[in-house]
Amino acid sequence: MMQTHPKKKLEIIIEAPLLNRLLDKLERLNVSGYTVVPAIAGKGSGGAWREGQLTQAGHMVMVICITSEERVPEVLKPVYDVLARHIGIVTVSDVQVIRADHF
């Protein structure tokens, strides 16, 4: 059986104009990698939305990164600094990876 290794996955949903600020912070923290995907529709406390209904400022993206449990507080602090006055959602979940050396 293939061995897996426990890690933490951070999913950060933010408005697209904030993306470069967030990625700069992740780079400065030497986060080993991340993936950015468009968020094309959703529903939250403000109701449902679709990408075509939003202004450029309202376009949303999701940044996904995987890190060790020990690094989560170090990474979350600057993420919170970016999101403190903006729309955004951050989740942290347990994941298993097969190549621990990549994270």
C-alpha atoms as a PDB file:
ATOM      1  CA  MET A   1       0.000   0.000   0.000  1.00  0.00           C
ATOM      2  CA  MET A   2       1.237   3.493  -0.843  1.00  0.00           C
ATOM      3  CA  GLN A   3       2.161   5.631   2.149  1.00  0.00           C
ATOM      4  CA  THR A   4       0.385   8.953   2.646  1.00  0.00           C
ATOM      5  CA  HIS A   5       1.385  11.938   4.759  1.00  0.00           C
ATOM      6  CA  PRO A   6      -0.893  14.309   6.703  1.00  0.00           C
ATOM      7  CA  LYS A   7      -0.950  17.953   5.617  1.00  0.00           C
ATOM      8  CA  LYS A   8      -3.310  20.925   5.777  1.00  0.00           C
ATOM      9  CA  LYS A   9      -5.114  22.373   2.772  1.00  0.00           C
ATOM     10  CA  LEU A  10      -5.964  26.072   2.747  1.00  0.00           C
ATOM     11  CA  GLU A  11      -8.682  27.250   0.379  1.00  0.00           C
ATOM     12  CA  ILE A  12      -8.861  31.011   0.104  1.00  0.00           C
ATOM     13  CA  ILE A  13     -11.708  32.574  -1.872  1.00  0.00           C
ATOM     14  CA  ILE A  14     -11.097  36.249  -2.608  1.00  0.00           C
ATOM     15  CA  GLU A  15     -12.012  38.992  -5.026  1.00  0.00           C
ATOM     16  CA  ALA A  16      -9.738  38.822  -8.085  1.00  0.00           C
ATOM     17  CA  PRO A  17      -8.255  42.328  -7.608  1.00  0.00           C
ATOM     18  CA  LEU A  18      -6.705  41.126  -4.313  1.00  0.00           C
ATOM     19  CA  LEU A  19      -5.041  38.099  -5.891  1.00  0.00           C
ATOM     20  CA  ASN A  20      -1.617  39.637  -6.517  1.00  0.00           C
ATOM     21  CA  ARG A  21      -1.400  40.975  -2.941  1.00  0.00           C
ATOM     22  CA  LEU A  22      -2.212  37.529  -1.599  1.00  0.00           C
ATOM     23  CA  LEU A  23       0.214  35.726  -3.907  1.00  0.00           C
ATOM     24  CA  ASP A  24       3.002  38.178  -2.977  1.00  0.00           C
ATOM     25  CA  LYS A  25       2.468  37.313   0.681  1.00  0.00           C
ATOM     26  CA  LEU A  26       2.499  33.576  -0.029  1.00  0.00           C
ATOM     27  CA  GLU A  27       5.722  33.996  -2.025  1.00  0.00           C
ATOM     28  CA  ARG A  28       7.382  35.924   0.824  1.00  0.00           C
ATOM     29  CA  LEU A  29       6.427  33.085   3.180  1.00  0.00           C
ATOM     30  CA  ASN A  30       8.042  30.567   0.815  1.00  0.00           C
ATOM     31  CA  VAL A  31       4.808  28.617   0.453  1.00  0.00           C
ATOM     32  CA  SER A  32       5.963  25.730  -1.704  1.00  0.00           C
ATOM     33  CA  GLY A  33       3.128  25.988  -4.207  1.00  0.00           C
ATOM     34  CA  TYR A  34      -0.423  27.039  -4.850  1.00  0.00           C
ATOM     35  CA  THR A  35      -3.115  26.774  -7.477  1.00  0.00           C
ATOM     36  CA  VAL A  36      -5.490  29.565  -8.496  1.00  0.00           C
ATOM     37  CA  VAL A  37      -8.881  28.674  -9.986  1.00  0.00           C
ATOM     38  CA  PRO A  38     -11.761  30.920 -11.030  1.00  0.00           C
ATOM     39  CA  ALA A  39     -14.889  30.921  -8.914  1.00  0.00           C
ATOM     40  CA  ILE A  40     -17.746  31.215 -11.417  1.00  0.00           C
ATOM     41  CA  ALA A  41     -20.796  31.083  -9.154  1.00  0.00           C
ATOM     42  CA  GLY A  42     -21.723  30.824  -5.505  1.00  0.00           C
ATOM     43  CA  LYS A  43     -24.101  31.676  -2.736  1.00  0.00           C
ATOM     44  CA  GLY A  44     -23.373  33.304   0.586  1.00  0.00           C
ATOM     45  CA  SER A  45     -24.924  35.555   3.189  1.00  0.00           C
ATOM     46  CA  GLY A  46     -25.494  38.182   0.487  1.00  0.00           C
ATOM     47  CA  GLY A  47     -27.353  35.744  -1.759  1.00  0.00           C
ATOM     48  CA  ALA A  48     -26.520  33.871  -4.948  1.00  0.00           C
ATOM     49  CA  TRP A  49     -24.177  35.257  -7.598  1.00  0.00           C
ATOM     50  CA  ARG A  50     -22.824  34.272 -10.992  1.00  0.00           C
ATOM     51  CA  GLU A  51     -19.707  35.574 -12.690  1.00  0.00           C
ATOM     52  CA  GLY A  52     -21.645  37.343 -15.455  1.00  0.00           C
ATOM     53  CA  GLN A  53     -23.560  39.396 -12.882  1.00  0.00           C
ATOM     54  CA  LEU A  54     -20.471  40.873 -11.211  1.00  0.00           C
ATOM     55  CA  THR A  55     -18.317  43.910 -11.848  1.00  0.00           C
ATOM     56  CA  GLN A  56     -14.564  43.316 -12.233  1.00  0.00           C
ATOM     57  CA  ALA A  57     -14.104  44.053  -8.523  1.00  0.00           C
ATOM     58  CA  GLY A  58     -16.579  41.321  -7.680  1.00  0.00           C
ATOM     59  CA  HIS A  59     -14.940  38.524  -9.678  1.00  0.00           C
ATOM     60  CA  MET A  60     -13.835  35.778  -7.336  1.00  0.00           C
ATOM     61  CA  VAL A  61     -10.929  33.338  -7.408  1.00  0.00           C
ATOM     62  CA  MET A  62      -9.847  30.488  -5.159  1.00  0.00           C
ATOM     63  CA  VAL A  63      -6.251  29.970  -4.094  1.00  0.00           C
ATOM     64  CA  ILE A  64      -5.470  26.449  -2.892  1.00  0.00           C
ATOM     65  CA  CYS A  65      -2.263  25.594  -1.092  1.00  0.00           C
ATOM     66  CA  ILE A  66      -1.082  22.671   0.988  1.00  0.00           C
ATOM     67  CA  THR A  67       1.286  23.037   3.910  1.00  0.00           C
ATOM     68  CA  SER A  68       2.328  21.425   7.162  1.00  0.00           C
ATOM     69  CA  GLU A  69       0.166  21.824  10.239  1.00  0.00           C
ATOM     70  CA  GLU A  70       2.969  23.759  11.931  1.00  0.00           C
ATOM     71  CA  ARG A  71       2.955  26.444   9.216  1.00  0.00           C
ATOM     72  CA  VAL A  72      -0.799  27.107   9.226  1.00  0.00           C
ATOM     73  CA  PRO A  73      -0.745  29.989  11.762  1.00  0.00           C
ATOM     74  CA  GLU A  74       2.238  31.590   9.994  1.00  0.00           C
ATOM     75  CA  VAL A  75       0.400  31.487   6.651  1.00  0.00           C
ATOM     76  CA  LEU A  76      -3.033  32.479   7.957  1.00  0.00           C
ATOM     77  CA  LYS A  77      -1.880  35.725   9.590  1.00  0.00           C
ATOM     78  CA  PRO A  78      -0.917  37.525   6.338  1.00  0.00           C
ATOM     79  CA  VAL A  79      -3.909  35.969   4.561  1.00  0.00           C
ATOM     80  CA  TYR A  80      -6.167  37.495   7.204  1.00  0.00           C
ATOM     81  CA  ASP A  81      -4.389  40.838   6.784  1.00  0.00           C
ATOM     82  CA  VAL A  82      -5.372  40.831   3.082  1.00  0.00           C
ATOM     83  CA  LEU A  83      -8.972  39.782   3.747  1.00  0.00           C
ATOM     84  CA  ALA A  84      -9.720  41.779   6.903  1.00  0.00           C
ATOM     85  CA  ARG A  85     -11.652  44.509   5.057  1.00  0.00           C
ATOM     86  CA  HIS A  86     -12.729  42.581   1.984  1.00  0.00           C
ATOM     87  CA  ILE A  87     -15.000  39.757   0.918  1.00  0.00           C
ATOM     88  CA  GLY A  88     -13.351  36.398   1.417  1.00  0.00           C
ATOM     89  CA  ILE A  89     -13.584  32.936   2.864  1.00  0.00           C
ATOM     90  CA  VAL A  90     -10.747  30.814   4.216  1.00  0.00           C
ATOM     91  CA  THR A  91     -11.052  27.144   5.079  1.00  0.00           C
ATOM     92  CA  VAL A  92      -8.452  24.811   6.527  1.00  0.00           C
ATOM     93  CA  SER A  93      -8.877  21.070   6.188  1.00  0.00           C
ATOM     94  CA  ASP A  94      -6.944  17.872   6.738  1.00  0.00           C
ATOM     95  CA  VAL A  95      -5.613  16.143   3.626  1.00  0.00           C
ATOM     96  CA  GLN A  96      -3.315  13.242   2.845  1.00  0.00           C
ATOM     97  CA  VAL A  97      -0.589  13.602   0.211  1.00  0.00           C
ATOM     98  CA  ILE A  98       1.565  10.930  -1.381  1.00  0.00           C
ATOM     99  CA  ARG A  99       4.653  13.118  -1.931  1.00  0.00           C
ATOM    100  CA  ALA A 100       5.389  14.852   1.363  1.00  0.00           C
ATOM    101  CA  ASP A 101       8.633  16.364   0.039  1.00  0.00           C
ATOM    102  CA  HIS A 102       6.593  18.660  -2.266  1.00  0.00           C
ATOM    103  CA  PHE A 103       5.059  20.474   0.686  1.00  0.00           C
END
